[in-house]
Amino acid sequence: QMQLVESGGGLAQAGGSLTLSCAASGRSLRWSDMGWFRQAPGKEREFVAAISWRGGRTYYADSDSMKGRFTISRDNAKNTVYLQMSSLKPEDTAVYYCAAEISAGWGSPQPQFEYWGQGTQVTVSS
């Protein structure tokens, strides 16, 4: 079993930046593909980004609203995955979830993951 804990969320101003972290415990995430999702109020959870277990491959949601502003990375030595978000917009307001171990759909618009964190709230004010 793997437990995931997100941190780094909070209140940010439009145009600002935040970096979210996802720390794993219970087992190493070294061999796991990792991902980030988000869920805005009243909307379904949507995929944001994923990174392969070696970190050599990444892919992002095919979304004009997110394109070029989010970067996923990982530090296997720290058992942590990151999501850097820049040029934040009010529409980025959501609960952001970390996920581990892709079970299906690498490269798909909505990959499936085995493990999920509890989420961290990001609120962007205009």
Foldseek 3Di string as FASTA:
>chain_A
DKAKAKDFADEAAQQAKTKMKIAIDPDFLLQKKKFKWWDDPPGDIWGAKIAGSPRPDIDGAPDPVQPPFWDWGDDRVRSMIMIMGGSDDQVVFTWMKMFIHFPDDVVHRDTDGDDIYPTDTHGYHD
